[in-house]
Amino acid sequence: NTVYLQMNSLKPEDTAVYYCNVQTEDGFRKLTASWGQGTQV
């Protein structure tokens, strides 16, 4: 249940808080977007 983002050749314009979003389906077949708290780049 893991997603990665390999970021090469980083530029100053890439500076931001990066958030992970996961679209999940619950037991009632409802799609929900869940967010992480972010990591600063």
PDB file of all heavy atoms in Angstrom:
ATOM      1  N   ASN A   1       0.830  -1.208   0.000  1.00  0.00           N
ATOM      2  CA  ASN A   1       0.000   0.000   0.000  1.00  0.00           C
ATOM      3  C   ASN A   1       0.865   1.258   0.000  1.00  0.00           C
ATOM      4  O   ASN A   1       0.587   2.228   0.711  1.00  0.00           O
ATOM      5  CB  ASN A   1      -0.944   0.013   1.206  1.00  0.00           C
ATOM      6  CG  ASN A   1      -2.047  -1.018   1.104  1.00  0.00           C
ATOM      7  OD1 ASN A   1      -2.299  -1.573   0.036  1.00  0.00           O
ATOM      8  ND2 ASN A   1      -2.714  -1.279   2.220  1.00  0.00           N
ATOM      9  N   THR A   2       1.882   1.227  -0.804  1.00  0.00           N
ATOM     10  CA  THR A   2       2.861   2.300  -0.814  1.00  0.00           C
ATOM     11  C   THR A   2       3.041   2.861  -2.222  1.00  0.00           C
ATOM     12  O   THR A   2       3.061   2.114  -3.200  1.00  0.00           O
ATOM     13  CB  THR A   2       4.210   1.808  -0.282  1.00  0.00           C
ATOM     14  OG1 THR A   2       4.057   1.389   1.079  1.00  0.00           O
ATOM     15  CG2 THR A   2       5.260   2.906  -0.330  1.00  0.00           C
ATOM     16  N   VAL A   3       3.165   4.169  -2.293  1.00  0.00           N
ATOM     17  CA  VAL A   3       3.457   4.847  -3.544  1.00  0.00           C
ATOM     18  C   VAL A   3       4.723   5.674  -3.351  1.00  0.00           C
ATOM     19  O   VAL A   3       4.959   6.224  -2.271  1.00  0.00           O
ATOM     20  CB  VAL A   3       2.275   5.726  -4.004  1.00  0.00           C
ATOM     21  CG1 VAL A   3       1.977   6.833  -2.998  1.00  0.00           C
ATOM     22  CG2 VAL A   3       2.539   6.308  -5.385  1.00  0.00           C
ATOM     23  N   TYR A   4       5.525   5.747  -4.393  1.00  0.00           N
ATOM     24  CA  TYR A   4       6.779   6.462  -4.343  1.00  0.00           C
ATOM     25  C   TYR A   4       6.800   7.553  -5.404  1.00  0.00           C
ATOM     26  O   TYR A   4       6.140   7.456  -6.438  1.00  0.00           O
ATOM     27  CB  TYR A   4       7.962   5.522  -4.594  1.00  0.00           C
ATOM     28  CG  TYR A   4       7.994   4.311  -3.701  1.00  0.00           C
ATOM     29  CD1 TYR A   4       7.424   3.108  -4.113  1.00  0.00           C
ATOM     30  CD2 TYR A   4       8.597   4.364  -2.448  1.00  0.00           C
ATOM     31  CE1 TYR A   4       7.454   1.990  -3.302  1.00  0.00           C
ATOM     32  CE2 TYR A   4       8.629   3.248  -1.627  1.00  0.00           C
ATOM     33  CZ  TYR A   4       8.056   2.062  -2.056  1.00  0.00           C
ATOM     34  OH  TYR A   4       8.096   0.956  -1.237  1.00  0.00           O
ATOM     35  N   LEU A   5       7.577   8.562  -5.145  1.00  0.00           N
ATOM     36  CA  LEU A   5       7.830   9.581  -6.136  1.00  0.00           C
ATOM     37  C   LEU A   5       9.329   9.845  -6.165  1.00  0.00           C
ATOM     38  O   LEU A   5       9.875  10.439  -5.233  1.00  0.00           O
ATOM     39  CB  LEU A   5       7.073  10.878  -5.830  1.00  0.00           C
ATOM     40  CG  LEU A   5       7.181  11.969  -6.896  1.00  0.00           C
ATOM     41  CD1 LEU A   5       6.484  11.526  -8.185  1.00  0.00           C
ATOM     42  CD2 LEU A   5       6.592  13.284  -6.404  1.00  0.00           C
ATOM     43  N   GLN A   6       9.965   9.371  -7.211  1.00  0.00           N
ATOM     44  CA  GLN A   6      11.374   9.628  -7.410  1.00  0.00           C
ATOM     45  C   GLN A   6      11.516  10.950  -8.138  1.00  0.00           C
ATOM     46  O   GLN A   6      11.014  11.101  -9.253  1.00  0.00           O
ATOM     47  CB  GLN A   6      12.024   8.506  -8.221  1.00  0.00           C
ATOM     48  CG  GLN A   6      13.502   8.710  -8.518  1.00  0.00           C
ATOM     49  CD  GLN A   6      14.361   8.669  -7.279  1.00  0.00           C
ATOM     50  OE1 GLN A   6      14.191   7.795  -6.437  1.00  0.00           O
ATOM     51  NE2 GLN A   6      15.269   9.632  -7.147  1.00  0.00           N
ATOM     52  N   MET A   7      12.181  11.893  -7.518  1.00  0.00           N
ATOM     53  CA  MET A   7      12.318  13.226  -8.069  1.00  0.00           C
ATOM     54  C   MET A   7      13.786  13.485  -8.379  1.00  0.00           C
ATOM     55  O   MET A   7      14.614  13.579  -7.468  1.00  0.00           O
ATOM     56  CB  MET A   7      11.784  14.275  -7.098  1.00  0.00           C
ATOM     57  CG  MET A   7      10.336  14.052  -6.686  1.00  0.00           C
ATOM     58  SD  MET A   7       9.687  15.381  -5.639  1.00  0.00           S
ATOM     59  CE  MET A   7      10.699  15.151  -4.181  1.00  0.00           C
ATOM     60  N   ASN A   8      14.088  13.590  -9.645  1.00  0.00           N
ATOM     61  CA  ASN A   8      15.445  13.856 -10.098  1.00  0.00           C
ATOM     62  C   ASN A   8      15.534  15.258 -10.695  1.00  0.00           C
ATOM     63  O   ASN A   8      14.534  15.858 -11.070  1.00  0.00           O
ATOM     64  CB  ASN A   8      15.880  12.828 -11.138  1.00  0.00           C
ATOM     65  CG  ASN A   8      15.910  11.417 -10.611  1.00  0.00           C
ATOM     66  OD1 ASN A   8      16.211  11.185  -9.438  1.00  0.00           O
ATOM     67  ND2 ASN A   8      15.617  10.449 -11.478  1.00  0.00           N
ATOM     68  N   SER A   9      16.743  15.737 -10.788  1.00  0.00           N
ATOM     69  CA  SER A   9      16.994  17.050 -11.384  1.00  0.00           C
ATOM     70  C   SER A   9      16.084  18.117 -10.805  1.00  0.00           C
ATOM     71  O   SER A   9      15.448  18.897 -11.526  1.00  0.00           O
ATOM     72  CB  SER A   9      16.825  16.976 -12.911  1.00  0.00           C
ATOM     73  OG  SER A   9      17.708  16.027 -13.480  1.00  0.00           O
ATOM     74  N   LEU A  10      16.021  18.156  -9.513  1.00  0.00           N
ATOM     75  CA  LEU A  10      15.109  19.075  -8.844  1.00  0.00           C
ATOM     76  C   LEU A  10      15.467  20.531  -9.122  1.00  0.00           C
ATOM     77  O   LEU A  10      16.641  20.891  -9.237  1.00  0.00           O
ATOM     78  CB  LEU A  10      15.108  18.808  -7.342  1.00  0.00           C
ATOM     79  CG  LEU A  10      14.285  17.585  -6.924  1.00  0.00           C
ATOM     80  CD1 LEU A  10      14.673  17.120  -5.535  1.00  0.00           C
ATOM     81  CD2 LEU A  10      12.798  17.909  -6.978  1.00  0.00           C
ATOM     82  N   LYS A  11      14.434  21.328  -9.223  1.00  0.00           N
ATOM     83  CA  LYS A  11      14.559  22.745  -9.502  1.00  0.00           C
ATOM     84  C   LYS A  11      13.951  23.547  -8.359  1.00  0.00           C
ATOM     85  O   LYS A  11      13.087  23.051  -7.639  1.00  0.00           O
ATOM     86  CB  LYS A  11      13.835  23.098 -10.806  1.00  0.00           C
ATOM     87  CG  LYS A  11      14.297  22.319 -12.021  1.00  0.00           C
ATOM     88  CD  LYS A  11      13.444  22.668 -13.236  1.00  0.00           C
ATOM     89  CE  LYS A  11      13.895  21.897 -14.461  1.00  0.00           C
ATOM     90  NZ  LYS A  11      13.066  22.222 -15.647  1.00  0.00           N
ATOM     91  N   PRO A  12      14.365  24.789  -8.204  1.00  0.00           N
ATOM     92  CA  PRO A  12      13.756  25.620  -7.164  1.00  0.00           C
ATOM     93  C   PRO A  12      12.238  25.707  -7.292  1.00  0.00           C
ATOM     94  O   PRO A  12      11.541  25.816  -6.275  1.00  0.00           O
ATOM     95  CB  PRO A  12      14.415  26.985  -7.392  1.00  0.00           C
ATOM     96  CG  PRO A  12      15.749  26.653  -7.960  1.00  0.00           C
ATOM     97  CD  PRO A  12      15.502  25.460  -8.847  1.00  0.00           C
ATOM     98  N   GLU A  13      11.737  25.646  -8.511  1.00  0.00           N
ATOM     99  CA  GLU A  13      10.305  25.702  -8.739  1.00  0.00           C
ATOM    100  C   GLU A  13       9.568  24.493  -8.177  1.00  0.00           C
ATOM    101  O   GLU A  13       8.334  24.519  -8.069  1.00  0.00           O
ATOM    102  CB  GLU A  13       9.997  25.819 -10.236  1.00  0.00           C
ATOM    103  CG  GLU A  13      10.724  26.960 -10.928  1.00  0.00           C
ATOM    104  CD  GLU A  13      12.052  26.524 -11.502  1.00  0.00           C
ATOM    105  OE1 GLU A  13      12.079  26.018 -12.641  1.00  0.00           O
ATOM    106  OE2 GLU A  13      13.076  26.696 -10.799  1.00  0.00           O
ATOM    107  N   ASP A  14      10.297  23.444  -7.845  1.00  0.00           N
ATOM    108  CA  ASP A  14       9.685  22.259  -7.255  1.00  0.00           C
ATOM    109  C   ASP A  14       9.450  22.412  -5.757  1.00  0.00           C
ATOM    110  O   ASP A  14       8.839  21.536  -5.136  1.00  0.00           O
ATOM    111  CB  ASP A  14      10.553  21.026  -7.504  1.00  0.00           C
ATOM    112  CG  ASP A  14      10.700  20.697  -8.974  1.00  0.00           C
ATOM    113  OD1 ASP A  14       9.689  20.766  -9.712  1.00  0.00           O
ATOM    114  OD2 ASP A  14      11.830  20.358  -9.392  1.00  0.00           O
ATOM    115  N   THR A  15       9.941  23.478  -5.188  1.00  0.00           N
ATOM    116  CA  THR A  15       9.775  23.705  -3.760  1.00  0.00           C
ATOM    117  C   THR A  15       8.301  23.815  -3.398  1.00  0.00           C
ATOM    118  O   THR A  15       7.569  24.629  -3.959  1.00  0.00           O
ATOM    119  CB  THR A  15      10.508  24.975  -3.325  1.00  0.00           C
ATOM    120  OG1 THR A  15      11.910  24.817  -3.531  1.00  0.00           O
ATOM    121  CG2 THR A  15      10.256  25.271  -1.849  1.00  0.00           C
ATOM    122  N   ALA A  16       7.879  22.986  -2.475  1.00  0.00           N
ATOM    123  CA  ALA A  16       6.481  22.945  -2.074  1.00  0.00           C
ATOM    124  C   ALA A  16       6.318  21.918  -0.970  1.00  0.00           C
ATOM    125  O   ALA A  16       7.233  21.146  -0.674  1.00  0.00           O
ATOM    126  CB  ALA A  16       5.579  22.573  -3.254  1.00  0.00           C
ATOM    127  N   VAL A  17       5.150  21.924  -0.386  1.00  0.00           N
ATOM    128  CA  VAL A  17       4.762  20.825   0.479  1.00  0.00           C
ATOM    129  C   VAL A  17       4.117  19.773  -0.411  1.00  0.00           C
ATOM    130  O   VAL A  17       3.188  20.073  -1.164  1.00  0.00           O
ATOM    131  CB  VAL A  17       3.788  21.263   1.583  1.00  0.00           C
ATOM    132  CG1 VAL A  17       3.357  20.065   2.417  1.00  0.00           C
ATOM    133  CG2 VAL A  17       4.430  22.320   2.468  1.00  0.00           C
ATOM    134  N   TYR A  18       4.616  18.574  -0.336  1.00  0.00           N
ATOM    135  CA  TYR A  18       4.112  17.488  -1.160  1.00  0.00           C
ATOM    136  C   TYR A  18       3.174  16.620  -0.337  1.00  0.00           C
ATOM    137  O   TYR A  18       3.530  16.162   0.755  1.00  0.00           O
ATOM    138  CB  TYR A  18       5.267  16.652  -1.716  1.00  0.00           C
ATOM    139  CG  TYR A  18       5.967  17.324  -2.866  1.00  0.00           C
ATOM    140  CD1 TYR A  18       6.748  18.453  -2.662  1.00  0.00           C
ATOM    141  CD2 TYR A  18       5.828  16.843  -4.172  1.00  0.00           C
ATOM    142  CE1 TYR A  18       7.375  19.094  -3.722  1.00  0.00           C
ATOM    143  CE2 TYR A  18       6.455  17.472  -5.228  1.00  0.00           C
ATOM    144  CZ  TYR A  18       7.220  18.587  -5.000  1.00  0.00           C
ATOM    145  OH  TYR A  18       7.840  19.211  -6.066  1.00  0.00           O
ATOM    146  N   TYR A  19       1.997  16.415  -0.879  1.00  0.00           N
ATOM    147  CA  TYR A  19       0.971  15.645  -0.205  1.00  0.00           C
ATOM    148  C   TYR A  19       0.656  14.376  -0.977  1.00  0.00           C
ATOM    149  O   TYR A  19       0.541  14.395  -2.204  1.00  0.00           O
ATOM    150  CB  TYR A  19      -0.320  16.452  -0.077  1.00  0.00           C
ATOM    151  CG  TYR A  19      -0.203  17.705   0.754  1.00  0.00           C
ATOM    152  CD1 TYR A  19       0.124  18.926   0.174  1.00  0.00           C
ATOM    153  CD2 TYR A  19      -0.435  17.666   2.127  1.00  0.00           C
ATOM    154  CE1 TYR A  19       0.221  20.078   0.927  1.00  0.00           C
ATOM    155  CE2 TYR A  19      -0.343  18.818   2.888  1.00  0.00           C
ATOM    156  CZ  TYR A  19      -0.015  20.020   2.285  1.00  0.00           C
ATOM    157  OH  TYR A  19       0.071  21.161   3.038  1.00  0.00           O
ATOM    158  N   CYS A  20       0.487  13.328  -0.255  1.00  0.00           N
ATOM    159  CA  CYS A  20       0.072  12.064  -0.840  1.00  0.00           C
ATOM    160  C   CYS A  20      -1.438  11.941  -0.727  1.00  0.00           C
ATOM    161  O   CYS A  20      -2.016  12.230   0.323  1.00  0.00           O
ATOM    162  CB  CYS A  20       0.754  10.904  -0.121  1.00  0.00           C
ATOM    163  SG  CYS A  20       0.315   9.264  -0.739  1.00  0.00           S
ATOM    164  N   ASN A  21      -2.058  11.539  -1.800  1.00  0.00           N
ATOM    165  CA  ASN A  21      -3.498  11.311  -1.814  1.00  0.00           C
ATOM    166  C   ASN A  21      -3.775   9.885  -2.233  1.00  0.00           C
ATOM    167  O   ASN A  21      -3.224   9.401  -3.223  1.00  0.00           O
ATOM    168  CB  ASN A  21      -4.184  12.292  -2.762  1.00  0.00           C
ATOM    169  CG  ASN A  21      -5.687  12.086  -2.814  1.00  0.00           C
ATOM    170  OD1 ASN A  21      -6.200  11.404  -3.697  1.00  0.00           O
ATOM    171  ND2 ASN A  21      -6.393  12.672  -1.850  1.00  0.00           N
ATOM    172  N   VAL A  22      -4.622   9.229  -1.485  1.00  0.00           N
ATOM    173  CA  VAL A  22      -4.950   7.841  -1.753  1.00  0.00           C
ATOM    174  C   VAL A  22      -6.452   7.711  -1.897  1.00  0.00           C
ATOM    175  O   VAL A  22      -7.201   8.073  -0.986  1.00  0.00           O
ATOM    176  CB  VAL A  22      -4.450   6.918  -0.623  1.00  0.00           C
ATOM    177  CG1 VAL A  22      -4.796   5.468  -0.941  1.00  0.00           C
ATOM    178  CG2 VAL A  22      -2.948   7.072  -0.431  1.00  0.00           C
ATOM    179  N   GLN A  23      -6.867   7.224  -3.037  1.00  0.00           N
ATOM    180  CA  GLN A  23      -8.282   7.000  -3.280  1.00  0.00           C
ATOM    181  C   GLN A  23      -8.604   5.560  -2.903  1.00  0.00           C
ATOM    182  O   GLN A  23      -8.094   4.623  -3.522  1.00  0.00           O
ATOM    183  CB  GLN A  23      -8.635   7.257  -4.740  1.00  0.00           C
ATOM    184  CG  GLN A  23     -10.112   7.170  -5.041  1.00  0.00           C
ATOM    185  CD  GLN A  23     -10.402   7.310  -6.520  1.00  0.00           C
ATOM    186  OE1 GLN A  23      -9.857   6.567  -7.333  1.00  0.00           O
ATOM    187  NE2 GLN A  23     -11.250   8.265  -6.872  1.00  0.00           N
ATOM    188  N   THR A  24      -9.440   5.414  -1.900  1.00  0.00           N
ATOM    189  CA  THR A  24      -9.766   4.091  -1.391  1.00  0.00           C
ATOM    190  C   THR A  24     -11.254   3.813  -1.515  1.00  0.00           C
ATOM    191  O   THR A  24     -12.078   4.723  -1.589  1.00  0.00           O
ATOM    192  CB  THR A  24      -9.352   3.926   0.075  1.00  0.00           C
ATOM    193  OG1 THR A  24     -10.009   4.914   0.884  1.00  0.00           O
ATOM    194  CG2 THR A  24      -7.848   4.076   0.230  1.00  0.00           C
ATOM    195  N   GLU A  25     -11.559   2.559  -1.528  1.00  0.00           N
ATOM    196  CA  GLU A  25     -12.942   2.107  -1.513  1.00  0.00           C
ATOM    197  C   GLU A  25     -13.198   1.416  -0.184  1.00  0.00           C
ATOM    198  O   GLU A  25     -12.427   0.543   0.225  1.00  0.00           O
ATOM    199  CB  GLU A  25     -13.207   1.153  -2.668  1.00  0.00           C
ATOM    200  CG  GLU A  25     -14.642   0.659  -2.748  1.00  0.00           C
ATOM    201  CD  GLU A  25     -14.861  -0.328  -3.879  1.00  0.00           C
ATOM    202  OE1 GLU A  25     -13.878  -0.693  -4.547  1.00  0.00           O
ATOM    203  OE2 GLU A  25     -16.017  -0.734  -4.099  1.00  0.00           O
ATOM    204  N   ASP A  26     -14.277   1.815   0.480  1.00  0.00           N
ATOM    205  CA  ASP A  26     -14.610   1.186   1.740  1.00  0.00           C
ATOM    206  C   ASP A  26     -15.522  -0.008   1.502  1.00  0.00           C
ATOM    207  O   ASP A  26     -15.804  -0.394   0.377  1.00  0.00           O
ATOM    208  CB  ASP A  26     -15.238   2.202   2.709  1.00  0.00           C
ATOM    209  CG  ASP A  26     -16.570   2.759   2.229  1.00  0.00           C
ATOM    210  OD1 ASP A  26     -17.162   2.201   1.283  1.00  0.00           O
ATOM    211  OD2 ASP A  26     -17.021   3.772   2.798  1.00  0.00           O
ATOM    212  N   GLY A  27     -15.996  -0.582   2.597  1.00  0.00           N
ATOM    213  CA  GLY A  27     -16.850  -1.756   2.500  1.00  0.00           C
ATOM    214  C   GLY A  27     -18.199  -1.491   1.879  1.00  0.00           C
ATOM    215  O   GLY A  27     -18.901  -2.438   1.506  1.00  0.00           O
ATOM    216  N   PHE A  28     -18.572  -0.212   1.784  1.00  0.00           N
ATOM    217  CA  PHE A  28     -19.847   0.160   1.167  1.00  0.00           C
ATOM    218  C   PHE A  28     -19.649   0.704  -0.245  1.00  0.00           C
ATOM    219  O   PHE A  28     -20.540   1.352  -0.793  1.00  0.00           O
ATOM    220  CB  PHE A  28     -20.567   1.200   2.031  1.00  0.00           C
ATOM    221  CG  PHE A  28     -20.932   0.687   3.390  1.00  0.00           C
ATOM    222  CD1 PHE A  28     -20.106   0.922   4.483  1.00  0.00           C
ATOM    223  CD2 PHE A  28     -22.087  -0.038   3.579  1.00  0.00           C
ATOM    224  CE1 PHE A  28     -20.434   0.439   5.737  1.00  0.00           C
ATOM    225  CE2 PHE A  28     -22.431  -0.527   4.825  1.00  0.00           C
ATOM    226  CZ  PHE A  28     -21.598  -0.284   5.914  1.00  0.00           C
ATOM    227  N   ARG A  29     -18.504   0.447  -0.806  1.00  0.00           N
ATOM    228  CA  ARG A  29     -18.164   0.817  -2.176  1.00  0.00           C
ATOM    229  C   ARG A  29     -18.163   2.323  -2.393  1.00  0.00           C
ATOM    230  O   ARG A  29     -18.459   2.795  -3.495  1.00  0.00           O
ATOM    231  CB  ARG A  29     -19.103   0.122  -3.164  1.00  0.00           C
ATOM    232  CG  ARG A  29     -19.042  -1.398  -3.062  1.00  0.00           C
ATOM    233  CD  ARG A  29     -20.006  -2.083  -4.005  1.00  0.00           C
ATOM    234  NE  ARG A  29     -19.954  -3.526  -3.852  1.00  0.00           N
ATOM    235  CZ  ARG A  29     -20.709  -4.384  -4.512  1.00  0.00           C
ATOM    236  NH1 ARG A  29     -21.590  -3.935  -5.415  1.00  0.00           N
ATOM    237  NH2 ARG A  29     -20.597  -5.684  -4.297  1.00  0.00           N
ATOM    238  N   LYS A  30     -17.827   3.041  -1.368  1.00  0.00           N
ATOM    239  CA  LYS A  30     -17.703   4.482  -1.468  1.00  0.00           C
ATOM    240  C   LYS A  30     -16.238   4.863  -1.663  1.00  0.00           C
ATOM    241  O   LYS A  30     -15.363   4.419  -0.913  1.00  0.00           O
ATOM    242  CB  LYS A  30     -18.243   5.163  -0.212  1.00  0.00           C
ATOM    243  CG  LYS A  30     -18.109   6.672  -0.222  1.00  0.00           C
ATOM    244  CD  LYS A  30     -18.609   7.278   1.076  1.00  0.00           C
ATOM    245  CE  LYS A  30     -18.438   8.778   1.095  1.00  0.00           C
ATOM    246  NZ  LYS A  30     -18.900   9.366   2.373  1.00  0.00           N
ATOM    247  N   LEU A  31     -15.990   5.683  -2.651  1.00  0.00           N
ATOM    248  CA  LEU A  31     -14.646   6.157  -2.915  1.00  0.00           C
ATOM    249  C   LEU A  31     -14.350   7.372  -2.052  1.00  0.00           C
ATOM    250  O   LEU A  31     -15.125   8.326  -2.018  1.00  0.00           O
ATOM    251  CB  LEU A  31     -14.470   6.504  -4.385  1.00  0.00           C
ATOM    252  CG  LEU A  31     -14.584   5.345  -5.378  1.00  0.00           C
ATOM    253  CD1 LEU A  31     -14.465   5.856  -6.800  1.00  0.00           C
ATOM    254  CD2 LEU A  31     -13.521   4.300  -5.103  1.00  0.00           C
ATOM    255  N   THR A  32     -13.239   7.323  -1.369  1.00  0.00           N
ATOM    256  CA  THR A  32     -12.842   8.396  -0.483  1.00  0.00           C
ATOM    257  C   THR A  32     -11.393   8.772  -0.742  1.00  0.00           C
ATOM    258  O   THR A  32     -10.540   7.891  -0.895  1.00  0.00           O
ATOM    259  CB  THR A  32     -13.006   7.990   0.989  1.00  0.00           C
ATOM    260  OG1 THR A  32     -14.366   7.634   1.245  1.00  0.00           O
ATOM    261  CG2 THR A  32     -12.610   9.136   1.910  1.00  0.00           C
ATOM    262  N   ALA A  33     -11.140  10.051  -0.791  1.00  0.00           N
ATOM    263  CA  ALA A  33      -9.776  10.541  -0.942  1.00  0.00           C
ATOM    264  C   ALA A  33      -9.200  10.857   0.431  1.00  0.00           C
ATOM    265  O   ALA A  33      -9.772  11.649   1.183  1.00  0.00           O
ATOM    266  CB  ALA A  33      -9.743  11.784  -1.828  1.00  0.00           C
ATOM    267  N   SER A  34      -8.090  10.244   0.750  1.00  0.00           N
ATOM    268  CA  SER A  34      -7.432  10.450   2.033  1.00  0.00           C
ATOM    269  C   SER A  34      -6.084  11.114   1.808  1.00  0.00           C
ATOM    270  O   SER A  34      -5.338  10.718   0.908  1.00  0.00           O
ATOM    271  CB  SER A  34      -7.244   9.121   2.765  1.00  0.00           C
ATOM    272  OG  SER A  34      -8.491   8.495   3.007  1.00  0.00           O
ATOM    273  N   TRP A  35      -5.807  12.099   2.629  1.00  0.00           N
ATOM    274  CA  TRP A  35      -4.590  12.896   2.488  1.00  0.00           C
ATOM    275  C   TRP A  35      -3.612  12.650   3.618  1.00  0.00           C
ATOM    276  O   TRP A  35      -3.996  12.465   4.775  1.00  0.00           O
ATOM    277  CB  TRP A  35      -4.919  14.390   2.477  1.00  0.00           C
ATOM    278  CG  TRP A  35      -5.720  14.845   1.303  1.00  0.00           C
ATOM    279  CD1 TRP A  35      -7.070  14.921   1.207  1.00  0.00           C
ATOM    280  CD2 TRP A  35      -5.209  15.304   0.048  1.00  0.00           C
ATOM    281  NE1 TRP A  35      -7.440  15.394  -0.026  1.00  0.00           N
ATOM    282  CE2 TRP A  35      -6.313  15.635  -0.754  1.00  0.00           C
ATOM    283  CE3 TRP A  35      -3.918  15.467  -0.467  1.00  0.00           C
ATOM    284  CZ2 TRP A  35      -6.182  16.128  -2.048  1.00  0.00           C
ATOM    285  CZ3 TRP A  35      -3.776  15.945  -1.754  1.00  0.00           C
ATOM    286  CH2 TRP A  35      -4.896  16.273  -2.529  1.00  0.00           C
ATOM    287  N   GLY A  36      -2.350  12.677   3.263  1.00  0.00           N
ATOM    288  CA  GLY A  36      -1.319  12.719   4.273  1.00  0.00           C
ATOM    289  C   GLY A  36      -1.141  14.140   4.763  1.00  0.00           C
ATOM    290  O   GLY A  36      -1.758  15.083   4.251  1.00  0.00           O
ATOM    291  N   GLN A  37      -0.296  14.320   5.750  1.00  0.00           N
ATOM    292  CA  GLN A  37      -0.082  15.643   6.322  1.00  0.00           C
ATOM    293  C   GLN A  37       0.955  16.461   5.570  1.00  0.00           C
ATOM    294  O   GLN A  37       1.126  17.641   5.860  1.00  0.00           O
ATOM    295  CB  GLN A  37       0.310  15.515   7.799  1.00  0.00           C
ATOM    296  CG  GLN A  37      -0.807  14.940   8.653  1.00  0.00           C
ATOM    297  CD  GLN A  37      -0.506  14.979  10.135  1.00  0.00           C
ATOM    298  OE1 GLN A  37       0.487  15.579  10.569  1.00  0.00           O
ATOM    299  NE2 GLN A  37      -1.356  14.356  10.917  1.00  0.00           N
ATOM    300  N   GLY A  38       1.606  15.848   4.629  1.00  0.00           N
ATOM    301  CA  GLY A  38       2.540  16.563   3.789  1.00  0.00           C
ATOM    302  C   GLY A  38       3.982  16.432   4.235  1.00  0.00           C
ATOM    303  O   GLY A  38       4.273  16.234   5.414  1.00  0.00           O
ATOM    304  N   THR A  39       4.865  16.544   3.273  1.00  0.00           N
ATOM    305  CA  THR A  39       6.294  16.557   3.552  1.00  0.00           C
ATOM    306  C   THR A  39       6.923  17.694   2.746  1.00  0.00           C
ATOM    307  O   THR A  39       6.641  17.862   1.562  1.00  0.00           O
ATOM    308  CB  THR A  39       6.938  15.191   3.221  1.00  0.00           C
ATOM    309  OG1 THR A  39       8.317  15.204   3.586  1.00  0.00           O
ATOM    310  CG2 THR A  39       6.809  14.834   1.747  1.00  0.00           C
ATOM    311  N   GLN A  40       7.742  18.462   3.403  1.00  0.00           N
ATOM    312  CA  GLN A  40       8.320  19.653   2.786  1.00  0.00           C
ATOM    313  C   GLN A  40       9.492  19.286   1.893  1.00  0.00           C
ATOM    314  O   GLN A  40      10.411  18.574   2.309  1.00  0.00           O
ATOM    315  CB  GLN A  40       8.785  20.634   3.856  1.00  0.00           C
ATOM    316  CG  GLN A  40       9.476  21.886   3.307  1.00  0.00           C
ATOM    317  CD  GLN A  40       8.523  22.822   2.616  1.00  0.00           C
ATOM    318  OE1 GLN A  40       7.467  23.160   3.163  1.00  0.00           O
ATOM    319  NE2 GLN A  40       8.877  23.246   1.407  1.00  0.00           N
ATOM    320  N   VAL A  41       9.445  19.791   0.680  1.00  0.00           N
ATOM    321  CA  VAL A  41      10.565  19.677  -0.253  1.00  0.00           C
ATOM    322  C   VAL A  41      11.044  21.084  -0.567  1.00  0.00           C
ATOM    323  O   VAL A  41      10.279  21.910  -1.063  1.00  0.00           O
ATOM    324  CB  VAL A  41      10.165  18.952  -1.550  1.00  0.00           C
ATOM    325  CG1 VAL A  41      11.295  19.018  -2.579  1.00  0.00           C
ATOM    326  CG2 VAL A  41       9.796  17.507  -1.253  1.00  0.00           C
TER     327      VAL A  41
END
